[in-house]
C-alpha atoms as a PDB file:
ATOM      1  CA  MET A   1     -90.947 -25.792  24.959  1.00  0.00           C
ATOM      2  CA  LYS A   2     -87.461 -26.855  23.906  1.00  0.00           C
ATOM      3  CA  ILE A   3     -87.053 -30.002  21.840  1.00  0.00           C
ATOM      4  CA  PRO A   4     -83.962 -32.050  22.750  1.00  0.00           C
ATOM      5  CA  PHE A   5     -81.310 -31.918  20.028  1.00  0.00           C
ATOM      6  CA  CYS A   6     -81.145 -35.727  19.569  1.00  0.00           C
ATOM      7  CA  LEU A   7     -84.924 -35.866  19.028  1.00  0.00           C
ATOM      8  CA  LEU A   8     -84.727 -33.041  16.513  1.00  0.00           C
ATOM      9  CA  ILE A   9     -82.101 -34.984  14.516  1.00  0.00           C
ATOM     10  CA  ALA A  10     -84.225 -38.151  14.598  1.00  0.00           C
ATOM     11  CA  LEU A  11     -87.271 -36.240  13.355  1.00  0.00           C
ATOM     12  CA  THR A  12     -85.195 -34.652  10.606  1.00  0.00           C
ATOM     13  CA  LEU A  13     -84.112 -38.081   9.395  1.00  0.00           C
ATOM     14  CA  VAL A  14     -87.593 -39.613   9.461  1.00  0.00           C
ATOM     15  CA  VAL A  15     -89.902 -36.792   8.413  1.00  0.00           C
ATOM     16  CA  PRO A  16     -88.376 -35.942   4.994  1.00  0.00           C
ATOM     17  CA  SER A  17     -89.129 -39.403   3.615  1.00  0.00           C
ATOM     18  CA  ILE A  18     -92.761 -38.966   4.586  1.00  0.00           C
ATOM     19  CA  SER A  19     -93.159 -35.324   3.673  1.00  0.00           C
ATOM     20  CA  HIS A  20     -91.603 -35.511   0.197  1.00  0.00           C
ATOM     21  CA  GLY A  21     -94.340 -37.793  -1.051  1.00  0.00           C
ATOM     22  CA  GLN A  22     -92.281 -40.953  -1.341  1.00  0.00           C
ATOM     23  CA  ASN A  23     -94.340 -44.090  -1.587  1.00  0.00           C
ATOM     24  CA  THR A  24     -94.162 -45.727   1.821  1.00  0.00           C
ATOM     25  CA  ALA A  25     -97.033 -48.170   1.286  1.00  0.00           C
ATOM     26  CA  PRO A  26     -95.930 -51.704   2.049  1.00  0.00           C
ATOM     27  CA  LYS A  27     -95.666 -54.113  -0.860  1.00  0.00           C
ATOM     28  CA  PRO A  28     -98.269 -56.880  -0.697  1.00  0.00           C
ATOM     29  CA  SER A  29     -96.846 -60.148   0.540  1.00  0.00           C
ATOM     30  CA  LEU A  30     -96.245 -62.937  -1.921  1.00  0.00           C
ATOM     31  CA  GLU A  31     -98.993 -64.956  -0.213  1.00  0.00           C
ATOM     32  CA  ALA A  32    -101.435 -62.080  -0.833  1.00  0.00           C
ATOM     33  CA  GLN A  33    -100.341 -61.748  -4.460  1.00  0.00           C
ATOM     34  CA  LEU A  34    -100.942 -65.440  -5.111  1.00  0.00           C
ATOM     35  CA  ASP A  35    -104.543 -65.011  -3.981  1.00  0.00           C
ATOM     36  CA  SER A  36    -105.189 -61.615  -5.588  1.00  0.00           C
ATOM     37  CA  ILE A  37    -103.909 -62.290  -9.116  1.00  0.00           C
ATOM     38  CA  VAL A  38    -106.819 -63.779 -11.059  1.00  0.00           C
ATOM     39  CA  LEU A  39    -105.941 -65.345 -14.396  1.00  0.00           C
ATOM     40  CA  PRO A  40    -108.180 -65.707 -17.445  1.00  0.00           C
ATOM     41  CA  THR A  41    -109.056 -69.237 -18.506  1.00  0.00           C
ATOM     42  CA  VAL A  42    -105.911 -71.357 -18.323  1.00  0.00           C
ATOM     43  CA  GLU A  43    -105.756 -74.380 -20.602  1.00  0.00           C
ATOM     44  CA  PHE A  44    -102.945 -76.896 -20.908  1.00  0.00           C
ATOM     45  CA  LYS A  45    -103.097 -79.950 -23.194  1.00  0.00           C
ATOM     46  CA  LYS A  46    -100.215 -82.309 -22.500  1.00  0.00           C
ATOM     47  CA  ALA A  47     -98.015 -79.292 -21.827  1.00  0.00           C
ATOM     48  CA  SER A  48     -94.585 -79.886 -20.382  1.00  0.00           C
ATOM     49  CA  ILE A  49     -94.120 -78.710 -16.819  1.00  0.00           C
ATOM     50  CA  ILE A  50     -91.562 -76.197 -18.109  1.00  0.00           C
ATOM     51  CA  SER A  51     -94.038 -74.774 -20.607  1.00  0.00           C
ATOM     52  CA  ALA A  52     -96.825 -74.657 -18.006  1.00  0.00           C
ATOM     53  CA  VAL A  53     -94.670 -72.792 -15.470  1.00  0.00           C
ATOM     54  CA  ASN A  54     -93.454 -70.331 -18.119  1.00  0.00           C
ATOM     55  CA  THR A  55     -97.066 -69.690 -19.159  1.00  0.00           C
ATOM     56  CA  LEU A  56     -98.150 -69.119 -15.540  1.00  0.00           C
ATOM     57  CA  ARG A  57     -95.224 -66.751 -15.013  1.00  0.00           C
ATOM     58  CA  ASP A  58     -96.246 -64.727 -18.100  1.00  0.00           C
ATOM     59  CA  LEU A  59     -99.944 -64.708 -17.148  1.00  0.00           C
ATOM     60  CA  ALA A  60     -99.086 -63.557 -13.626  1.00  0.00           C
ATOM     61  CA  ARG A  61     -97.124 -60.622 -15.033  1.00  0.00           C
ATOM     62  CA  GLU A  62     -99.932 -59.694 -17.459  1.00  0.00           C
ATOM     63  CA  ASN A  63    -102.651 -59.883 -14.783  1.00  0.00           C
ATOM     64  CA  SER A  64    -100.915 -58.397 -11.740  1.00  0.00           C
ATOM     65  CA  LYS A  65    -101.725 -54.850 -10.684  1.00  0.00           C
ATOM     66  CA  ASP A  66     -98.085 -53.739 -10.810  1.00  0.00           C
ATOM     67  CA  GLY A  67     -97.271 -55.582 -14.047  1.00  0.00           C
ATOM     68  CA  LYS A  68     -94.362 -57.401 -12.384  1.00  0.00           C
ATOM     69  CA  GLY A  69     -96.015 -60.706 -11.585  1.00  0.00           C
ATOM     70  CA  VAL A  70     -94.442 -63.283  -9.290  1.00  0.00           C
ATOM     71  CA  ASN A  71     -91.138 -65.149  -9.354  1.00  0.00           C
ATOM     72  CA  ILE A  72     -91.849 -68.831 -10.037  1.00  0.00           C
ATOM     73  CA  PHE A  73     -88.946 -71.271 -10.031  1.00  0.00           C
ATOM     74  CA  LEU A  74     -88.993 -74.855 -11.243  1.00  0.00           C
ATOM     75  CA  ARG A  75     -86.555 -77.392  -9.827  1.00  0.00           C
ATOM     76  CA  ILE A  76     -86.519 -80.548 -11.916  1.00  0.00           C
ATOM     77  CA  ASN A  77     -84.777 -83.735 -10.862  1.00  0.00           C
ATOM     78  CA  ASP A  78     -82.508 -85.106 -13.617  1.00  0.00           C
ATOM     79  CA  VAL A  79     -83.608 -88.663 -12.862  1.00  0.00           C
ATOM     80  CA  THR A  80     -87.374 -88.162 -13.226  1.00  0.00           C
ATOM     81  CA  PRO A  81     -88.672 -87.169 -16.665  1.00  0.00           C
ATOM     82  CA  PRO A  82     -90.769 -84.001 -16.610  1.00  0.00           C
ATOM     83  CA  ALA A  83     -94.498 -84.639 -16.359  1.00  0.00           C
ATOM     84  CA  SER A  84     -97.099 -83.257 -18.722  1.00  0.00           C
ATOM     85  CA  VAL A  85    -100.033 -81.145 -17.596  1.00  0.00           C
ATOM     86  CA  THR A  86    -103.585 -81.252 -18.951  1.00  0.00           C
ATOM     87  CA  CYS A  87    -106.264 -79.032 -17.441  1.00  0.00           C
ATOM     88  CA  ILE A  88    -108.766 -76.265 -18.053  1.00  0.00           C
ATOM     89  CA  LEU A  89    -109.162 -73.728 -15.239  1.00  0.00           C
ATOM     90  CA  THR A  90    -111.693 -70.914 -15.492  1.00  0.00           C
ATOM     91  CA  LYS A  91    -110.569 -67.689 -13.811  1.00  0.00           C
ATOM     92  CA  PRO A  92    -108.330 -69.336 -11.226  1.00  0.00           C
ATOM     93  CA  THR A  93    -106.205 -67.403  -8.799  1.00  0.00           C
ATOM     94  CA  LEU A  94    -102.505 -67.765  -9.430  1.00  0.00           C
ATOM     95  CA  ARG A  95    -102.280 -69.972  -6.321  1.00  0.00           C
ATOM     96  CA  GLN A  96    -104.968 -72.339  -7.692  1.00  0.00           C
ATOM     97  CA  ALA A  97    -103.249 -72.606 -11.083  1.00  0.00           C
ATOM     98  CA  ILE A  98     -99.808 -73.261  -9.561  1.00  0.00           C
ATOM     99  CA  THR A  99    -101.282 -75.833  -7.164  1.00  0.00           C
ATOM    100  CA  GLU A 100    -102.989 -77.737  -9.996  1.00  0.00           C
ATOM    101  CA  VAL A 101     -99.868 -77.761 -12.160  1.00  0.00           C
ATOM    102  CA  ALA A 102     -97.817 -79.013  -9.198  1.00  0.00           C
ATOM    103  CA  ARG A 103    -100.407 -81.675  -8.318  1.00  0.00           C
ATOM    104  CA  GLN A 104    -100.471 -83.095 -11.830  1.00  0.00           C
ATOM    105  CA  SER A 105     -96.704 -83.199 -12.055  1.00  0.00           C
ATOM    106  CA  GLY A 106     -96.198 -84.707  -8.598  1.00  0.00           C
ATOM    107  CA  MET A 107     -94.344 -81.669  -7.325  1.00  0.00           C
ATOM    108  CA  LYS A 108     -94.607 -79.677  -4.115  1.00  0.00           C
ATOM    109  CA  VAL A 109     -95.211 -75.932  -3.944  1.00  0.00           C
ATOM    110  CA  ARG A 110     -93.043 -73.870  -1.629  1.00  0.00           C
ATOM    111  CA  VAL A 111     -93.757 -70.178  -1.033  1.00  0.00           C
ATOM    112  CA  ASP A 112     -91.113 -68.054   0.631  1.00  0.00           C
ATOM    113  CA  ALA A 113     -90.730 -64.292   0.993  1.00  0.00           C
ATOM    114  CA  VAL A 114     -89.707 -63.580  -2.600  1.00  0.00           C
ATOM    115  CA  ALA A 115     -90.574 -66.548  -4.815  1.00  0.00           C
ATOM    116  CA  VAL A 116     -92.660 -69.637  -5.426  1.00  0.00           C
ATOM    117  CA  SER A 117     -90.780 -72.815  -6.201  1.00  0.00           C
ATOM    118  CA  LEU A 118     -91.989 -76.154  -7.478  1.00  0.00           C
ATOM    119  CA  ASN A 119     -89.809 -79.058  -6.346  1.00  0.00           C
END
């Protein structure tokens, strides 16, 4: 059986990436990462929103499987003074911790393909 030349070229372009052992596993979605990263006890006592978000960013990196964590952006309005956060969360997922911080500071959580933002 003869293989058409154009098919042979297509196979040559596709097969090497699979056969050379390159990692082709898809990266977990950001939504999945928010639910799979479990943090140790998180405690904030009158922490600024900036401090709380920086802490969550660091904890996400320390507790993620790949060690990279999640991009978390904070967008603060110049008119409204930053709120403080007080809470104790025992083994929350990253999503639960971000949601609580946002709730206490009156902010909304937005998750897109590459980052979480608090507005």
